[in-house]
Protein backbone atom coordinates (compact mmCIF):
# COMPACT_ATOMS: atom_id res chain seq x y z
CA UNK A 1 -30.50 -20.47 -39.83
CA UNK A 2 -31.73 -23.92 -39.76
CA UNK A 3 -30.78 -26.90 -36.98
CA UNK A 4 -28.08 -28.07 -38.39
CA UNK A 5 -26.18 -24.27 -39.32
CA UNK A 6 -26.70 -23.86 -35.44
CA UNK A 7 -25.22 -27.17 -34.32
CA UNK A 8 -22.16 -25.98 -36.52
CA UNK A 9 -21.65 -22.29 -35.65
CA UNK A 10 -21.89 -23.46 -32.15
CA UNK A 11 -19.00 -26.12 -32.88
CA UNK A 12 -17.39 -23.52 -34.54
CA UNK A 13 -17.36 -20.96 -31.46
CA UNK A 14 -16.79 -23.98 -29.24
CA UNK A 15 -13.32 -24.32 -30.91
CA UNK A 16 -12.27 -21.15 -31.95
CA UNK A 17 -12.72 -20.18 -28.54
CA UNK A 18 -10.75 -23.12 -27.04
CA UNK A 19 -8.64 -22.39 -29.62
CA UNK A 20 -7.78 -18.47 -28.39
CA UNK A 21 -7.39 -20.06 -24.99
CA UNK A 22 -5.01 -22.38 -25.68
CA UNK A 23 -3.19 -19.03 -27.59
CA UNK A 24 -3.61 -17.09 -24.52
CA UNK A 25 -1.81 -19.46 -22.17
CA UNK A 26 0.90 -20.20 -24.08
CA UNK A 27 1.46 -16.68 -24.84
CA UNK A 28 0.98 -15.44 -21.69
CA UNK A 29 3.21 -18.06 -20.17
CA UNK A 30 6.23 -17.21 -22.63
CA UNK A 31 5.48 -13.83 -21.82
CA UNK A 32 5.68 -14.26 -17.36
CA UNK A 33 8.46 -16.15 -17.88
CA UNK A 34 10.31 -13.47 -19.68
CA UNK A 35 8.93 -11.51 -17.39
CA UNK A 36 10.58 -13.44 -14.28
CA UNK A 37 13.88 -12.59 -15.92
CA UNK A 38 14.05 -9.07 -15.11
CA UNK A 39 12.14 -9.75 -11.76
CA UNK A 40 8.67 -8.17 -12.68
CA UNK A 41 5.63 -9.97 -12.59
CA UNK A 42 2.90 -10.18 -16.04
CA UNK A 43 0.72 -7.14 -14.02
CA UNK A 44 4.05 -5.13 -13.64
CA UNK A 45 5.51 -5.56 -17.14
CA UNK A 46 1.70 -4.77 -18.43
CA UNK A 47 1.67 -1.21 -15.90
CA UNK A 48 5.83 -0.16 -16.99
CA UNK A 49 3.89 -0.55 -20.66
CA UNK A 50 1.05 1.65 -19.41
CA UNK A 51 3.04 4.53 -18.36
CA UNK A 52 4.35 5.63 -21.01
CA UNK A 53 3.30 8.96 -20.66
CA UNK A 54 5.45 12.01 -19.16
CA UNK A 55 3.17 13.11 -17.05
CA UNK A 56 2.08 9.24 -15.63
CA UNK A 57 -1.26 8.20 -14.88
CA UNK A 58 -3.91 7.91 -12.13
CA UNK A 59 -3.65 4.84 -9.97
CA UNK A 60 -7.79 4.66 -11.50
CA UNK A 61 -6.59 5.01 -14.83
CA UNK A 62 -3.80 2.01 -14.05
CA UNK A 63 -6.06 0.21 -12.50
CA UNK A 64 -8.55 0.47 -15.11
CA UNK A 65 -6.35 -0.25 -18.27
CA UNK A 66 -5.12 -3.15 -15.71
CA UNK A 67 -8.27 -4.97 -15.26
CA UNK A 68 -7.18 -4.87 -11.32
CA UNK A 69 -8.17 -2.84 -8.24
CA UNK A 70 -6.60 0.81 -6.84
CA UNK A 71 -4.52 -1.76 -4.46
CA UNK A 72 -3.19 -3.62 -6.56
CA UNK A 73 -2.26 -0.90 -8.18
CA UNK A 74 -0.99 0.55 -5.28
CA UNK A 75 1.10 -3.06 -4.06
CA UNK A 76 3.03 -2.69 -7.87
CA UNK A 77 3.79 1.14 -7.08
CA UNK A 78 5.39 0.30 -4.07
CA UNK A 79 7.14 -2.30 -5.80
CA UNK A 80 8.14 -0.11 -8.06
CA UNK A 81 9.22 2.98 -6.12
CA UNK A 82 11.49 0.58 -3.97
CA UNK A 83 13.64 -0.75 -7.00
CA UNK A 84 13.76 2.94 -8.42
CA UNK A 85 11.55 2.32 -11.67
CA UNK A 86 8.89 4.95 -10.31
CA UNK A 87 7.44 7.83 -7.97
CA UNK A 88 4.46 8.92 -7.26
CA UNK A 89 3.71 12.51 -7.95
CA UNK A 90 0.82 15.03 -6.12
CA UNK A 91 -1.10 17.66 -8.54
CA UNK A 92 -3.13 18.38 -11.83
CA UNK A 93 -4.71 21.69 -11.98
CA UNK A 94 -3.55 22.50 -8.70
CA UNK A 95 -5.71 19.75 -6.64
CA UNK A 96 -3.23 18.09 -4.45
CA UNK A 97 -5.37 15.06 -3.75
CA UNK A 98 -4.54 13.85 -7.22
CA UNK A 99 -1.96 11.81 -7.55
CA UNK A 100 0.05 9.77 -10.38
CA UNK A 101 2.44 7.42 -10.76
CA UNK A 102 5.35 8.67 -13.13
CA UNK A 103 8.22 6.02 -14.36
CA UNK A 104 11.91 7.50 -14.03
CA UNK A 105 14.56 7.41 -16.21
CA UNK A 106 15.79 3.68 -15.33
CA UNK A 107 11.65 2.99 -15.06
CA UNK A 108 11.50 4.18 -18.87
CA UNK A 109 14.87 2.48 -20.11
CA UNK A 110 13.69 -0.47 -18.47
CA UNK A 111 9.93 -0.52 -20.62
CA UNK A 112 11.88 0.31 -23.62
CA UNK A 113 13.98 -2.84 -23.17
CA UNK A 114 10.87 -5.19 -21.78
CA UNK A 115 8.98 -4.21 -25.05
CA UNK A 116 11.96 -4.93 -27.30
CA UNK A 117 12.26 -8.34 -25.56
CA UNK A 118 8.59 -8.95 -25.61
CA UNK A 119 8.20 -8.30 -29.09
CA UNK A 120 10.79 -10.01 -29.87
CA UNK A 121 9.68 -13.39 -28.15
CA UNK A 122 6.47 -12.33 -30.34
CA UNK A 123 8.09 -12.95 -33.86
CA UNK A 124 9.83 -16.61 -32.49
CA UNK A 125 6.76 -17.29 -31.43
CA UNK A 126 4.54 -16.19 -34.40
CA UNK A 127 6.90 -17.34 -37.10
CA UNK A 128 5.01 -20.61 -38.07
CA UNK A 129 2.22 -18.02 -39.69
CA UNK A 130 3.14 -16.26 -43.38
CA UNK A 131 1.83 -13.07 -43.14
CA UNK A 132 -0.78 -13.45 -45.06
CA UNK A 133 -2.46 -15.50 -42.45
CA UNK A 134 -1.33 -13.37 -40.13
CA UNK A 135 -2.94 -10.46 -41.81
CA UNK A 136 -6.69 -12.69 -42.57
CA UNK A 137 -6.91 -13.21 -38.49
CA UNK A 138 -5.75 -9.54 -37.77
CA UNK A 139 -9.45 -8.11 -38.89
CA UNK A 140 -11.67 -11.17 -37.23
CA UNK A 141 -9.71 -11.03 -34.42
CA UNK A 142 -9.80 -7.02 -33.81
CA UNK A 143 -13.28 -7.00 -34.69
CA UNK A 144 -13.84 -10.06 -31.70
CA UNK A 145 -12.06 -7.79 -29.61
CA UNK A 146 -13.67 -4.96 -29.80
CA UNK A 147 -17.26 -6.51 -28.83
CA UNK A 148 -16.08 -8.82 -26.15
CA UNK A 149 -14.17 -4.69 -24.50
CA UNK A 150 -18.07 -2.98 -24.78
CA UNK A 151 -19.75 -5.99 -23.53
CA UNK A 152 -17.18 -5.34 -20.28
CA UNK A 153 -17.74 -2.08 -20.56
CA UNK A 154 -21.44 -2.04 -21.44
CA UNK A 155 -21.71 -4.60 -18.13
CA UNK A 156 -23.50 -6.57 -20.37
CA UNK A 157 -21.34 -9.79 -19.13
CA UNK A 158 -23.07 -10.61 -15.94
CA UNK A 159 -26.33 -10.73 -17.73
CA UNK A 160 -24.68 -13.08 -20.46
CA UNK A 161 -24.02 -14.76 -17.77
CA UNK A 162 -27.42 -15.39 -15.64
CA UNK A 163 -28.92 -16.35 -19.57
CA UNK A 164 -26.53 -18.92 -20.01
CA UNK A 165 -26.88 -20.36 -16.80
CA UNK A 166 -31.34 -19.28 -17.03
CA UNK A 167 -30.96 -21.94 -20.54
CA UNK A 168 -28.86 -24.85 -19.12
CA UNK A 169 -30.86 -24.92 -16.04
CA UNK A 170 -34.41 -24.99 -18.40
CA UNK A 171 -32.00 -28.16 -20.68
CA UNK A 172 -31.62 -29.62 -17.69
CA UNK A 173 -34.33 -29.81 -15.72
CA UNK A 174 -34.18 -30.35 -12.23
CA UNK A 175 -30.66 -31.73 -12.00
CA UNK A 176 -29.28 -28.81 -12.43
CA UNK A 177 -30.93 -27.48 -9.27
CA UNK A 178 -28.63 -30.16 -7.80
CA UNK A 179 -25.33 -28.03 -8.59
CA UNK A 180 -23.96 -26.34 -6.40
CA UNK A 181 -21.58 -23.37 -6.28
CA UNK A 182 -17.87 -24.25 -5.54
CA UNK A 183 -16.98 -21.38 -2.63
């Protein structure tokens, strides 16, 4: 790829990243407002979504799905238990140390209502796009999501960040060393 092609690709990547970030922020804010109406956070909503199975999930499984620590899951489950939405159940294959989170009937009802409301909100927010436009976006975004997830799963992001910083420092020279990270 020639110099012009590299610059054109870089500009496209920047713009796409910016558009995706803007879309994420707007969609996330809308969903946050929706969940606030039910007294929930987005993370609590996603916890409910991921607790679809009757057998529930372990704290570790839920933490991995929510991309958070098990301590965050403990806080979420505590709130769910206080509200009557979920309960802790012990035992899996006879192991009493295994604890899983299971939705109560009330939790399942709320989960169903929230998913329906969220889907309706999305339909309204995406109505500006034709079905053809949505279909054209679907496959490339699916490929991008799969690539980004694989990079995270394979612990490649840290090396990519190191590489980006090294490149920036080599391009910027001595000035780059003067920039200190915020603490």
